Amino acid sequence: VDAGHGGKDPGAIGVGRLKEAPLVLEVAKRVAERLRAALPDVRIVLTRDDDYFLELDERTEKANRLIGSDRAGFFVSIHANAAFSRRESGFETYYLCTGAADEKAVQTARMENGVLLDVEGKTSDETSLTAKILQSITLNQYKKESVILAGNVQSSISNVVRTRRASRGTKCAHFYVLAGAIMPSILCEVG
């Protein structure tokens, strides 16, 4: 379970100067706690458990190391949507693809991927050959499972959330944080 942003990357800044990073860390901790209670025989790990910065590729590298070559796993990155308009609200779950579902998905991915240049000082062209190979593997080998996982997570959130915030659905987009995972991976924008 990956709590997005952290440390020098506060993520989106919301109403009342609420920062995304501590909010999604709390959500990730609660998700991990509930998963541990429901699945006591499954190892549930957080990529970060406090307010510190991890580069995007470090997040999936950590998950990949924990999974190893003979164990199954999932990578779930948790974020909180930033809206371009006060009229927008809701939650959505993404899986990795080379394009995007729609223009809003492109905008969301662009904002989340912005940490590469803004905080890490890298461009997408500077990603390593290893990262590009892992991305290709993820896109091809784990897409079906990622789509299923995204749908199940989105449906589960829809069943629990009882507010005016709408389900914005399951979508695909190119998120760098998902690209290096050698397992099914999704990114949840929790609203």
N, C-alpha and C. Protein backbone atom coordinates (compact mmCIF):
# COMPACT_ATOMS: atom_id res chain seq x y z
N VAL A 1 0.86 -1.17 0.00
CA VAL A 1 0.00 0.00 0.00
C VAL A 1 0.90 1.22 0.00
N ASP A 2 0.75 2.04 -1.01
CA ASP A 2 1.60 3.21 -1.21
C ASP A 2 0.83 4.49 -0.92
N ALA A 3 1.25 5.22 0.10
CA ALA A 3 0.68 6.54 0.38
C ALA A 3 1.42 7.54 -0.50
N GLY A 4 0.72 8.13 -1.45
CA GLY A 4 1.35 9.04 -2.39
C GLY A 4 1.99 10.25 -1.74
N HIS A 5 2.95 10.82 -2.46
CA HIS A 5 3.62 12.06 -2.07
C HIS A 5 4.40 11.88 -0.76
N GLY A 6 4.55 12.92 0.05
CA GLY A 6 5.26 12.85 1.31
C GLY A 6 6.53 13.67 1.35
N GLY A 7 6.91 14.11 2.54
CA GLY A 7 8.12 14.90 2.72
C GLY A 7 8.08 16.18 1.93
N LYS A 8 9.10 16.38 1.09
CA LYS A 8 9.19 17.63 0.31
C LYS A 8 8.14 17.73 -0.79
N ASP A 9 7.34 16.68 -0.99
CA ASP A 9 6.26 16.69 -1.97
C ASP A 9 4.92 16.61 -1.23
N PRO A 10 4.28 17.76 -0.98
CA PRO A 10 3.03 17.75 -0.22
C PRO A 10 1.83 17.23 -1.01
N GLY A 11 1.98 17.09 -2.34
CA GLY A 11 0.84 16.72 -3.17
C GLY A 11 -0.05 17.92 -3.37
N ALA A 12 -1.31 17.67 -3.65
CA ALA A 12 -2.28 18.76 -3.86
C ALA A 12 -2.54 19.47 -2.54
N ILE A 13 -2.80 20.77 -2.64
CA ILE A 13 -3.16 21.57 -1.47
C ILE A 13 -4.64 21.91 -1.62
N GLY A 14 -5.44 21.51 -0.64
CA GLY A 14 -6.88 21.69 -0.74
C GLY A 14 -7.41 22.83 0.09
N VAL A 15 -8.70 22.79 0.28
CA VAL A 15 -9.40 23.79 1.08
C VAL A 15 -8.82 23.81 2.49
N GLY A 16 -8.61 25.00 3.02
CA GLY A 16 -8.02 25.13 4.35
C GLY A 16 -6.56 24.74 4.41
N ARG A 17 -5.90 24.75 3.24
CA ARG A 17 -4.47 24.41 3.11
C ARG A 17 -4.20 22.93 3.48
N LEU A 18 -5.21 22.09 3.40
CA LEU A 18 -5.05 20.66 3.66
C LEU A 18 -4.12 20.06 2.61
N LYS A 19 -3.07 19.40 3.06
CA LYS A 19 -2.09 18.78 2.16
C LYS A 19 -2.46 17.32 1.90
N GLU A 20 -2.28 16.93 0.65
CA GLU A 20 -2.60 15.57 0.24
C GLU A 20 -1.75 14.52 0.95
N ALA A 21 -0.46 14.76 1.11
CA ALA A 21 0.47 13.74 1.62
C ALA A 21 0.06 13.18 2.99
N PRO A 22 -0.20 14.01 4.01
CA PRO A 22 -0.59 13.42 5.30
C PRO A 22 -1.97 12.78 5.27
N LEU A 23 -2.86 13.32 4.43
CA LEU A 23 -4.19 12.74 4.31
C LEU A 23 -4.12 11.33 3.74
N VAL A 24 -3.38 11.15 2.65
CA VAL A 24 -3.32 9.82 2.04
C VAL A 24 -2.49 8.85 2.88
N LEU A 25 -1.55 9.38 3.67
CA LEU A 25 -0.82 8.50 4.60
C LEU A 25 -1.78 7.92 5.63
N GLU A 26 -2.67 8.75 6.15
CA GLU A 26 -3.66 8.25 7.11
C GLU A 26 -4.60 7.24 6.46
N VAL A 27 -5.03 7.51 5.24
CA VAL A 27 -5.90 6.56 4.52
C VAL A 27 -5.15 5.25 4.30
N ALA A 28 -3.89 5.32 3.86
CA ALA A 28 -3.10 4.11 3.61
C ALA A 28 -2.93 3.29 4.88
N LYS A 29 -2.68 3.95 6.00
CA LYS A 29 -2.53 3.24 7.27
C LYS A 29 -3.83 2.52 7.65
N ARG A 30 -4.95 3.19 7.43
CA ARG A 30 -6.24 2.57 7.75
C ARG A 30 -6.54 1.40 6.82
N VAL A 31 -6.22 1.56 5.54
CA VAL A 31 -6.41 0.47 4.59
C VAL A 31 -5.55 -0.73 5.00
N ALA A 32 -4.29 -0.48 5.32
CA ALA A 32 -3.39 -1.57 5.73
C ALA A 32 -3.91 -2.26 7.00
N GLU A 33 -4.38 -1.48 7.94
CA GLU A 33 -4.92 -2.04 9.19
C GLU A 33 -6.13 -2.93 8.92
N ARG A 34 -7.02 -2.49 8.06
CA ARG A 34 -8.21 -3.29 7.73
C ARG A 34 -7.83 -4.54 6.95
N LEU A 35 -6.88 -4.42 6.04
CA LEU A 35 -6.44 -5.59 5.28
C LEU A 35 -5.79 -6.61 6.21
N ARG A 36 -4.97 -6.14 7.15
CA ARG A 36 -4.32 -7.06 8.10
C ARG A 36 -5.35 -7.81 8.93
N ALA A 37 -6.40 -7.10 9.34
CA ALA A 37 -7.45 -7.74 10.14
C ALA A 37 -8.23 -8.76 9.30
N ALA A 38 -8.51 -8.42 8.06
CA ALA A 38 -9.29 -9.31 7.19
C ALA A 38 -8.47 -10.46 6.62
N LEU A 39 -7.16 -10.23 6.44
CA LEU A 39 -6.28 -11.22 5.82
C LEU A 39 -5.05 -11.46 6.69
N PRO A 40 -5.22 -12.09 7.84
CA PRO A 40 -4.10 -12.22 8.78
C PRO A 40 -2.91 -13.02 8.25
N ASP A 41 -3.10 -13.85 7.25
CA ASP A 41 -2.01 -14.64 6.69
C ASP A 41 -1.30 -13.95 5.53
N VAL A 42 -1.73 -12.75 5.18
CA VAL A 42 -1.15 -12.01 4.07
C VAL A 42 -0.28 -10.87 4.63
N ARG A 43 0.89 -10.72 4.06
CA ARG A 43 1.79 -9.66 4.48
C ARG A 43 1.37 -8.35 3.80
N ILE A 44 0.99 -7.37 4.60
CA ILE A 44 0.57 -6.06 4.11
C ILE A 44 1.66 -5.07 4.50
N VAL A 45 2.21 -4.36 3.52
CA VAL A 45 3.33 -3.46 3.76
C VAL A 45 3.01 -2.08 3.21
N LEU A 46 3.41 -1.05 3.96
CA LEU A 46 3.30 0.33 3.50
C LEU A 46 4.62 0.74 2.88
N THR A 47 4.57 1.47 1.76
CA THR A 47 5.83 1.97 1.19
C THR A 47 6.43 3.05 2.07
N ARG A 48 5.59 3.83 2.74
CA ARG A 48 6.07 4.80 3.73
C ARG A 48 5.10 4.81 4.89
N ASP A 49 5.63 4.97 6.10
CA ASP A 49 4.79 4.97 7.29
C ASP A 49 4.88 6.29 8.06
N ASP A 50 5.51 7.28 7.45
CA ASP A 50 5.65 8.60 8.05
C ASP A 50 5.77 9.63 6.92
N ASP A 51 5.95 10.88 7.27
CA ASP A 51 5.99 11.95 6.27
C ASP A 51 7.40 12.13 5.74
N TYR A 52 7.80 11.29 4.81
CA TYR A 52 9.08 11.45 4.13
C TYR A 52 8.88 11.18 2.64
N PHE A 53 9.84 11.65 1.85
CA PHE A 53 9.74 11.57 0.41
C PHE A 53 10.37 10.30 -0.13
N LEU A 54 9.68 9.66 -1.06
CA LEU A 54 10.21 8.53 -1.83
C LEU A 54 10.03 8.87 -3.30
N GLU A 55 11.06 8.67 -4.11
CA GLU A 55 10.91 8.87 -5.55
C GLU A 55 9.93 7.85 -6.08
N LEU A 56 9.33 8.16 -7.23
CA LEU A 56 8.31 7.28 -7.79
C LEU A 56 8.83 5.87 -8.04
N ASP A 57 10.04 5.77 -8.58
CA ASP A 57 10.58 4.43 -8.86
C ASP A 57 10.98 3.69 -7.59
N GLU A 58 11.31 4.42 -6.51
CA GLU A 58 11.64 3.76 -5.24
C GLU A 58 10.43 3.04 -4.65
N ARG A 59 9.26 3.59 -4.90
CA ARG A 59 8.03 2.99 -4.36
C ARG A 59 7.79 1.59 -4.94
N THR A 60 7.88 1.48 -6.25
CA THR A 60 7.65 0.16 -6.86
C THR A 60 8.85 -0.75 -6.67
N GLU A 61 10.07 -0.19 -6.61
CA GLU A 61 11.24 -1.03 -6.32
C GLU A 61 11.09 -1.71 -4.97
N LYS A 62 10.61 -0.97 -3.98
CA LYS A 62 10.40 -1.54 -2.65
C LYS A 62 9.36 -2.66 -2.72
N ALA A 63 8.27 -2.41 -3.41
CA ALA A 63 7.22 -3.42 -3.55
C ALA A 63 7.75 -4.66 -4.29
N ASN A 64 8.51 -4.43 -5.36
CA ASN A 64 9.06 -5.55 -6.13
C ASN A 64 10.00 -6.40 -5.29
N ARG A 65 10.84 -5.75 -4.47
CA ARG A 65 11.75 -6.50 -3.58
C ARG A 65 10.97 -7.35 -2.59
N LEU A 66 9.90 -6.81 -2.06
CA LEU A 66 9.11 -7.54 -1.06
C LEU A 66 8.39 -8.73 -1.67
N ILE A 67 7.96 -8.60 -2.91
CA ILE A 67 7.23 -9.68 -3.57
C ILE A 67 8.17 -10.83 -3.91
N GLY A 68 9.35 -10.52 -4.39
CA GLY A 68 10.29 -11.57 -4.78
C GLY A 68 9.82 -12.29 -6.03
N SER A 69 10.47 -13.37 -6.35
CA SER A 69 10.18 -14.06 -7.61
C SER A 69 9.08 -15.10 -7.50
N ASP A 70 8.74 -15.52 -6.29
CA ASP A 70 7.79 -16.64 -6.19
C ASP A 70 6.51 -16.30 -5.43
N ARG A 71 6.31 -15.03 -5.08
CA ARG A 71 5.11 -14.67 -4.34
C ARG A 71 4.25 -13.71 -5.14
N ALA A 72 2.95 -13.82 -4.96
CA ALA A 72 2.02 -12.91 -5.62
C ALA A 72 1.83 -11.66 -4.78
N GLY A 73 1.42 -10.59 -5.42
CA GLY A 73 1.16 -9.36 -4.68
C GLY A 73 0.46 -8.35 -5.55
N PHE A 74 0.06 -7.26 -4.91
CA PHE A 74 -0.57 -6.13 -5.58
C PHE A 74 0.09 -4.85 -5.10
N PHE A 75 0.10 -3.84 -5.96
CA PHE A 75 0.61 -2.52 -5.60
C PHE A 75 -0.56 -1.55 -5.73
N VAL A 76 -0.90 -0.89 -4.63
CA VAL A 76 -2.01 0.06 -4.61
C VAL A 76 -1.47 1.40 -4.13
N SER A 77 -1.47 2.40 -5.00
CA SER A 77 -1.01 3.74 -4.65
C SER A 77 -2.23 4.61 -4.37
N ILE A 78 -2.24 5.27 -3.21
CA ILE A 78 -3.40 6.04 -2.77
C ILE A 78 -3.10 7.53 -2.87
N HIS A 79 -4.02 8.24 -3.51
CA HIS A 79 -3.90 9.69 -3.71
C HIS A 79 -5.25 10.34 -3.43
N ALA A 80 -5.27 11.67 -3.36
CA ALA A 80 -6.52 12.41 -3.20
C ALA A 80 -6.64 13.38 -4.37
N ASN A 81 -7.74 13.28 -5.08
CA ASN A 81 -7.94 14.07 -6.29
C ASN A 81 -7.72 15.57 -6.05
N ALA A 82 -7.16 16.20 -7.03
CA ALA A 82 -7.14 17.65 -7.10
C ALA A 82 -8.11 18.03 -8.19
N ALA A 83 -9.01 18.95 -7.89
CA ALA A 83 -10.02 19.33 -8.88
C ALA A 83 -9.67 20.66 -9.52
N PHE A 84 -10.04 20.78 -10.77
CA PHE A 84 -9.83 22.02 -11.49
C PHE A 84 -11.03 22.95 -11.32
N SER A 85 -12.10 22.44 -10.76
CA SER A 85 -13.31 23.20 -10.53
C SER A 85 -13.95 22.73 -9.23
N ARG A 86 -14.56 23.64 -8.49
CA ARG A 86 -15.25 23.26 -7.25
C ARG A 86 -16.45 22.37 -7.53
N ARG A 87 -16.94 22.35 -8.76
CA ARG A 87 -18.08 21.51 -9.11
C ARG A 87 -17.69 20.05 -9.26
N GLU A 88 -16.40 19.78 -9.41
CA GLU A 88 -15.93 18.40 -9.59
C GLU A 88 -15.77 17.74 -8.23
N SER A 89 -16.18 16.50 -8.13
CA SER A 89 -15.96 15.72 -6.92
C SER A 89 -16.05 14.24 -7.29
N GLY A 90 -15.65 13.41 -6.37
CA GLY A 90 -15.75 11.99 -6.59
C GLY A 90 -14.42 11.27 -6.47
N PHE A 91 -14.46 9.99 -6.70
CA PHE A 91 -13.29 9.12 -6.56
C PHE A 91 -13.19 8.25 -7.80
N GLU A 92 -11.96 7.83 -8.10
CA GLU A 92 -11.72 7.02 -9.29
C GLU A 92 -10.51 6.13 -9.06
N THR A 93 -10.46 5.06 -9.82
CA THR A 93 -9.35 4.11 -9.69
C THR A 93 -8.76 3.88 -11.08
N TYR A 94 -7.43 3.95 -11.15
CA TYR A 94 -6.72 3.85 -12.43
C TYR A 94 -5.86 2.59 -12.49
N TYR A 95 -5.69 2.10 -13.68
CA TYR A 95 -4.69 1.08 -13.99
C TYR A 95 -3.80 1.66 -15.09
N LEU A 96 -2.64 1.07 -15.28
CA LEU A 96 -1.65 1.61 -16.20
C LEU A 96 -1.98 1.30 -17.66
N CYS A 97 -1.82 2.31 -18.50
CA CYS A 97 -1.87 2.13 -19.95
C CYS A 97 -1.01 3.22 -20.57
N THR A 98 -0.71 3.09 -21.85
CA THR A 98 0.16 4.07 -22.49
C THR A 98 -0.58 5.35 -22.84
N GLY A 99 -1.86 5.29 -23.05
CA GLY A 99 -2.65 6.48 -23.37
C GLY A 99 -3.40 6.92 -22.13
N ALA A 100 -4.64 7.31 -22.30
CA ALA A 100 -5.49 7.68 -21.17
C ALA A 100 -6.95 7.53 -21.59
N ALA A 101 -7.80 7.33 -20.60
CA ALA A 101 -9.22 7.11 -20.85
C ALA A 101 -9.89 8.34 -21.45
N ASP A 102 -9.52 9.52 -20.96
CA ASP A 102 -10.13 10.77 -21.43
C ASP A 102 -9.22 11.93 -21.03
N GLU A 103 -9.62 13.14 -21.35
CA GLU A 103 -8.78 14.31 -21.09
C GLU A 103 -8.57 14.54 -19.60
N LYS A 104 -9.58 14.27 -18.78
CA LYS A 104 -9.41 14.43 -17.32
C LYS A 104 -8.40 13.42 -16.79
N ALA A 105 -8.39 12.21 -17.34
CA ALA A 105 -7.40 11.21 -16.94
C ALA A 105 -5.99 11.67 -17.33
N VAL A 106 -5.87 12.29 -18.49
CA VAL A 106 -4.58 12.84 -18.92
C VAL A 106 -4.12 13.91 -17.94
N GLN A 107 -5.03 14.80 -17.54
CA GLN A 107 -4.70 15.87 -16.59
C GLN A 107 -4.29 15.30 -15.24
N THR A 108 -5.02 14.30 -14.76
CA THR A 108 -4.70 13.68 -13.47
C THR A 108 -3.32 13.04 -13.52
N ALA A 109 -3.04 12.28 -14.56
CA ALA A 109 -1.73 11.65 -14.69
C ALA A 109 -0.63 12.70 -14.80
N ARG A 110 -0.87 13.76 -15.55
CA ARG A 110 0.13 14.83 -15.70
C ARG A 110 0.45 15.45 -14.34
N MET A 111 -0.59 15.69 -13.52
CA MET A 111 -0.34 16.27 -12.19
C MET A 111 0.44 15.30 -11.30
N GLU A 112 0.04 14.04 -11.28
CA GLU A 112 0.73 13.06 -10.43
C GLU A 112 2.16 12.81 -10.92
N ASN A 113 2.35 12.78 -12.22
CA ASN A 113 3.68 12.56 -12.78
C ASN A 113 4.56 13.79 -12.67
N GLY A 114 3.97 14.93 -12.38
CA GLY A 114 4.71 16.18 -12.26
C GLY A 114 5.80 16.13 -11.21
N VAL A 115 5.69 15.23 -10.26
CA VAL A 115 6.71 15.09 -9.22
C VAL A 115 8.07 14.72 -9.82
N LEU A 116 8.05 14.04 -10.97
CA LEU A 116 9.32 13.67 -11.64
C LEU A 116 10.18 14.91 -11.87
N LEU A 117 9.61 15.92 -12.47
CA LEU A 117 10.37 17.13 -12.79
C LEU A 117 10.41 18.09 -11.61
N ASP A 118 9.26 18.33 -10.99
CA ASP A 118 9.14 19.34 -9.95
C ASP A 118 9.92 19.00 -8.68
N VAL A 119 9.96 17.75 -8.30
CA VAL A 119 10.59 17.36 -7.04
C VAL A 119 11.84 16.51 -7.25
N GLU A 120 11.75 15.54 -8.17
CA GLU A 120 12.89 14.66 -8.40
C GLU A 120 13.91 15.26 -9.36
N GLY A 121 13.50 16.26 -10.13
CA GLY A 121 14.40 16.89 -11.09
C GLY A 121 14.71 16.03 -12.30
N LYS A 122 13.81 15.12 -12.64
CA LYS A 122 13.99 14.22 -13.79
C LYS A 122 12.94 14.51 -14.85
N THR A 123 13.19 14.04 -16.03
CA THR A 123 12.17 14.06 -17.08
C THR A 123 11.83 12.62 -17.41
N SER A 124 10.73 12.42 -18.10
CA SER A 124 10.34 11.06 -18.46
C SER A 124 11.36 10.42 -19.39
N ASP A 125 12.12 11.23 -20.11
CA ASP A 125 13.16 10.69 -21.01
C ASP A 125 14.35 10.14 -20.23
N GLU A 126 14.49 10.53 -18.97
CA GLU A 126 15.63 10.10 -18.17
C GLU A 126 15.38 8.78 -17.44
N THR A 127 14.21 8.19 -17.61
CA THR A 127 13.96 6.93 -16.95
C THR A 127 14.90 5.88 -17.50
N SER A 128 15.35 5.01 -16.64
CA SER A 128 16.36 4.03 -17.02
C SER A 128 15.81 2.98 -17.97
N LEU A 129 16.71 2.29 -18.63
CA LEU A 129 16.32 1.19 -19.51
C LEU A 129 15.60 0.12 -18.70
N THR A 130 16.08 -0.15 -17.49
CA THR A 130 15.43 -1.13 -16.61
C THR A 130 13.99 -0.72 -16.34
N ALA A 131 13.78 0.56 -16.03
CA ALA A 131 12.42 1.05 -15.76
C ALA A 131 11.53 0.90 -16.99
N LYS A 132 12.08 1.16 -18.16
CA LYS A 132 11.29 1.03 -19.38
C LYS A 132 10.94 -0.43 -19.66
N ILE A 133 11.84 -1.33 -19.37
CA ILE A 133 11.57 -2.77 -19.55
C ILE A 133 10.49 -3.21 -18.56
N LEU A 134 10.60 -2.77 -17.29
CA LEU A 134 9.59 -3.11 -16.29
C LEU A 134 8.23 -2.56 -16.68
N GLN A 135 8.20 -1.37 -17.23
CA GLN A 135 6.94 -0.77 -17.67
C GLN A 135 6.31 -1.63 -18.76
N SER A 136 7.10 -2.07 -19.70
CA SER A 136 6.60 -2.92 -20.77
C SER A 136 6.03 -4.22 -20.21
N ILE A 137 6.74 -4.81 -19.26
CA ILE A 137 6.27 -6.05 -18.62
C ILE A 137 4.94 -5.80 -17.93
N THR A 138 4.86 -4.71 -17.15
CA THR A 138 3.63 -4.39 -16.42
C THR A 138 2.47 -4.19 -17.36
N LEU A 139 2.70 -3.44 -18.43
CA LEU A 139 1.62 -3.17 -19.39
C LEU A 139 1.10 -4.45 -20.02
N ASN A 140 1.98 -5.36 -20.32
CA ASN A 140 1.58 -6.57 -21.03
C ASN A 140 1.16 -7.72 -20.12
N GLN A 141 1.94 -7.98 -19.09
CA GLN A 141 1.70 -9.16 -18.29
C GLN A 141 0.61 -8.98 -17.24
N TYR A 142 0.48 -7.78 -16.67
CA TYR A 142 -0.40 -7.60 -15.52
C TYR A 142 -1.63 -6.74 -15.81
N LYS A 143 -1.84 -6.38 -17.06
CA LYS A 143 -2.96 -5.48 -17.36
C LYS A 143 -4.30 -6.08 -16.98
N LYS A 144 -4.55 -7.32 -17.36
CA LYS A 144 -5.84 -7.95 -17.07
C LYS A 144 -6.12 -7.95 -15.57
N GLU A 145 -5.13 -8.37 -14.77
CA GLU A 145 -5.30 -8.42 -13.32
C GLU A 145 -5.45 -7.02 -12.74
N SER A 146 -4.73 -6.04 -13.31
CA SER A 146 -4.84 -4.66 -12.83
C SER A 146 -6.22 -4.10 -13.11
N VAL A 147 -6.79 -4.41 -14.27
CA VAL A 147 -8.14 -3.96 -14.61
C VAL A 147 -9.15 -4.55 -13.63
N ILE A 148 -9.01 -5.84 -13.34
CA ILE A 148 -9.91 -6.51 -12.40
C ILE A 148 -9.76 -5.91 -11.00
N LEU A 149 -8.53 -5.72 -10.55
CA LEU A 149 -8.28 -5.13 -9.23
C LEU A 149 -8.88 -3.73 -9.16
N ALA A 150 -8.65 -2.90 -10.18
CA ALA A 150 -9.19 -1.54 -10.20
C ALA A 150 -10.72 -1.56 -10.11
N GLY A 151 -11.35 -2.43 -10.87
CA GLY A 151 -12.81 -2.54 -10.84
C GLY A 151 -13.32 -2.96 -9.48
N ASN A 152 -12.65 -3.93 -8.87
CA ASN A 152 -13.08 -4.40 -7.55
C ASN A 152 -12.91 -3.33 -6.48
N VAL A 153 -11.80 -2.61 -6.52
CA VAL A 153 -11.56 -1.54 -5.55
C VAL A 153 -12.57 -0.42 -5.74
N GLN A 154 -12.79 -0.01 -6.99
CA GLN A 154 -13.75 1.06 -7.27
C GLN A 154 -15.15 0.66 -6.79
N SER A 155 -15.54 -0.57 -7.06
CA SER A 155 -16.85 -1.06 -6.62
C SER A 155 -16.96 -1.09 -5.10
N SER A 156 -15.89 -1.53 -4.44
CA SER A 156 -15.89 -1.58 -2.97
C SER A 156 -16.02 -0.19 -2.36
N ILE A 157 -15.29 0.77 -2.92
CA ILE A 157 -15.39 2.15 -2.43
C ILE A 157 -16.81 2.67 -2.65
N SER A 158 -17.39 2.38 -3.81
CA SER A 158 -18.76 2.82 -4.12
C SER A 158 -19.76 2.28 -3.12
N ASN A 159 -19.54 1.05 -2.66
CA ASN A 159 -20.45 0.43 -1.70
C ASN A 159 -20.34 1.03 -0.31
N VAL A 160 -19.20 1.63 0.00
CA VAL A 160 -18.97 2.18 1.34
C VAL A 160 -19.28 3.67 1.42
N VAL A 161 -18.95 4.41 0.38
CA VAL A 161 -19.10 5.86 0.40
C VAL A 161 -20.56 6.22 0.23
N ARG A 162 -21.08 6.92 1.19
CA ARG A 162 -22.49 7.31 1.17
C ARG A 162 -22.62 8.84 1.22
N THR A 163 -21.98 9.50 0.27
CA THR A 163 -22.05 10.96 0.22
C THR A 163 -22.42 11.37 -1.18
N ARG A 164 -22.46 12.67 -1.42
CA ARG A 164 -22.77 13.17 -2.75
C ARG A 164 -21.61 12.97 -3.72
N ARG A 165 -20.45 12.58 -3.21
CA ARG A 165 -19.30 12.36 -4.09
C ARG A 165 -19.56 11.11 -4.93
N ALA A 166 -19.45 11.29 -6.19
CA ALA A 166 -19.82 10.23 -7.12
C ALA A 166 -18.62 9.37 -7.50
N SER A 167 -18.93 8.15 -7.86
CA SER A 167 -17.93 7.29 -8.46
C SER A 167 -17.63 7.83 -9.85
N ARG A 168 -16.36 8.12 -10.09
CA ARG A 168 -15.95 8.62 -11.41
C ARG A 168 -15.47 7.46 -12.28
N GLY A 169 -15.55 6.24 -11.73
CA GLY A 169 -15.27 5.06 -12.52
C GLY A 169 -13.84 4.57 -12.49
N THR A 170 -13.62 3.53 -13.25
CA THR A 170 -12.31 2.93 -13.43
C THR A 170 -11.78 3.40 -14.77
N LYS A 171 -10.53 3.85 -14.77
CA LYS A 171 -9.94 4.43 -15.97
C LYS A 171 -8.50 3.97 -16.12
N CYS A 172 -7.96 4.20 -17.29
CA CYS A 172 -6.53 3.93 -17.47
C CYS A 172 -5.82 5.23 -17.81
N ALA A 173 -4.56 5.31 -17.39
CA ALA A 173 -3.71 6.46 -17.70
C ALA A 173 -2.27 6.03 -17.44
N HIS A 174 -1.35 6.86 -17.88
CA HIS A 174 0.07 6.55 -17.73
C HIS A 174 0.63 7.22 -16.47
N PHE A 175 0.66 6.47 -15.38
CA PHE A 175 1.22 6.95 -14.11
C PHE A 175 2.58 6.30 -13.90
N TYR A 176 3.62 7.14 -13.74
CA TYR A 176 4.96 6.61 -13.56
C TYR A 176 5.07 5.74 -12.32
N VAL A 177 4.32 6.05 -11.27
CA VAL A 177 4.41 5.26 -10.05
C VAL A 177 3.95 3.81 -10.27
N LEU A 178 3.10 3.58 -11.26
CA LEU A 178 2.65 2.21 -11.56
C LEU A 178 3.56 1.49 -12.53
N ALA A 179 4.30 2.25 -13.31
CA ALA A 179 5.05 1.69 -14.43
C ALA A 179 6.11 0.67 -14.03
N GLY A 180 6.69 0.80 -12.86
CA GLY A 180 7.77 -0.11 -12.49
C GLY A 180 7.34 -1.34 -11.72
N ALA A 181 6.08 -1.45 -11.39
CA ALA A 181 5.61 -2.59 -10.58
C ALA A 181 5.58 -3.87 -11.42
N ILE A 182 6.16 -4.92 -10.89
CA ILE A 182 6.10 -6.21 -11.58
C ILE A 182 5.03 -7.08 -10.92
N MET A 183 3.85 -6.50 -10.86
CA MET A 183 2.68 -7.12 -10.26
C MET A 183 1.48 -6.28 -10.69
N PRO A 184 0.26 -6.79 -10.52
CA PRO A 184 -0.89 -5.94 -10.79
C PRO A 184 -0.81 -4.67 -9.94
N SER A 185 -1.12 -3.52 -10.54
CA SER A 185 -0.97 -2.26 -9.82
C SER A 185 -2.06 -1.29 -10.21
N ILE A 186 -2.49 -0.50 -9.21
CA ILE A 186 -3.52 0.50 -9.44
C ILE A 186 -3.20 1.76 -8.66
N LEU A 187 -3.85 2.84 -9.05
CA LEU A 187 -3.75 4.11 -8.33
C LEU A 187 -5.16 4.56 -8.03
N CYS A 188 -5.45 4.78 -6.75
CA CYS A 188 -6.78 5.22 -6.30
C CYS A 188 -6.73 6.70 -5.98
N GLU A 189 -7.59 7.46 -6.60
CA GLU A 189 -7.81 8.87 -6.27
C GLU A 189 -9.07 8.86 -5.40
N VAL A 190 -8.89 9.03 -4.09
CA VAL A 190 -9.98 8.77 -3.15
C VAL A 190 -10.93 9.95 -2.95
N GLY A 191 -10.79 11.00 -3.72
CA GLY A 191 -11.74 12.10 -3.64
C GLY A 191 -11.17 13.33 -2.98
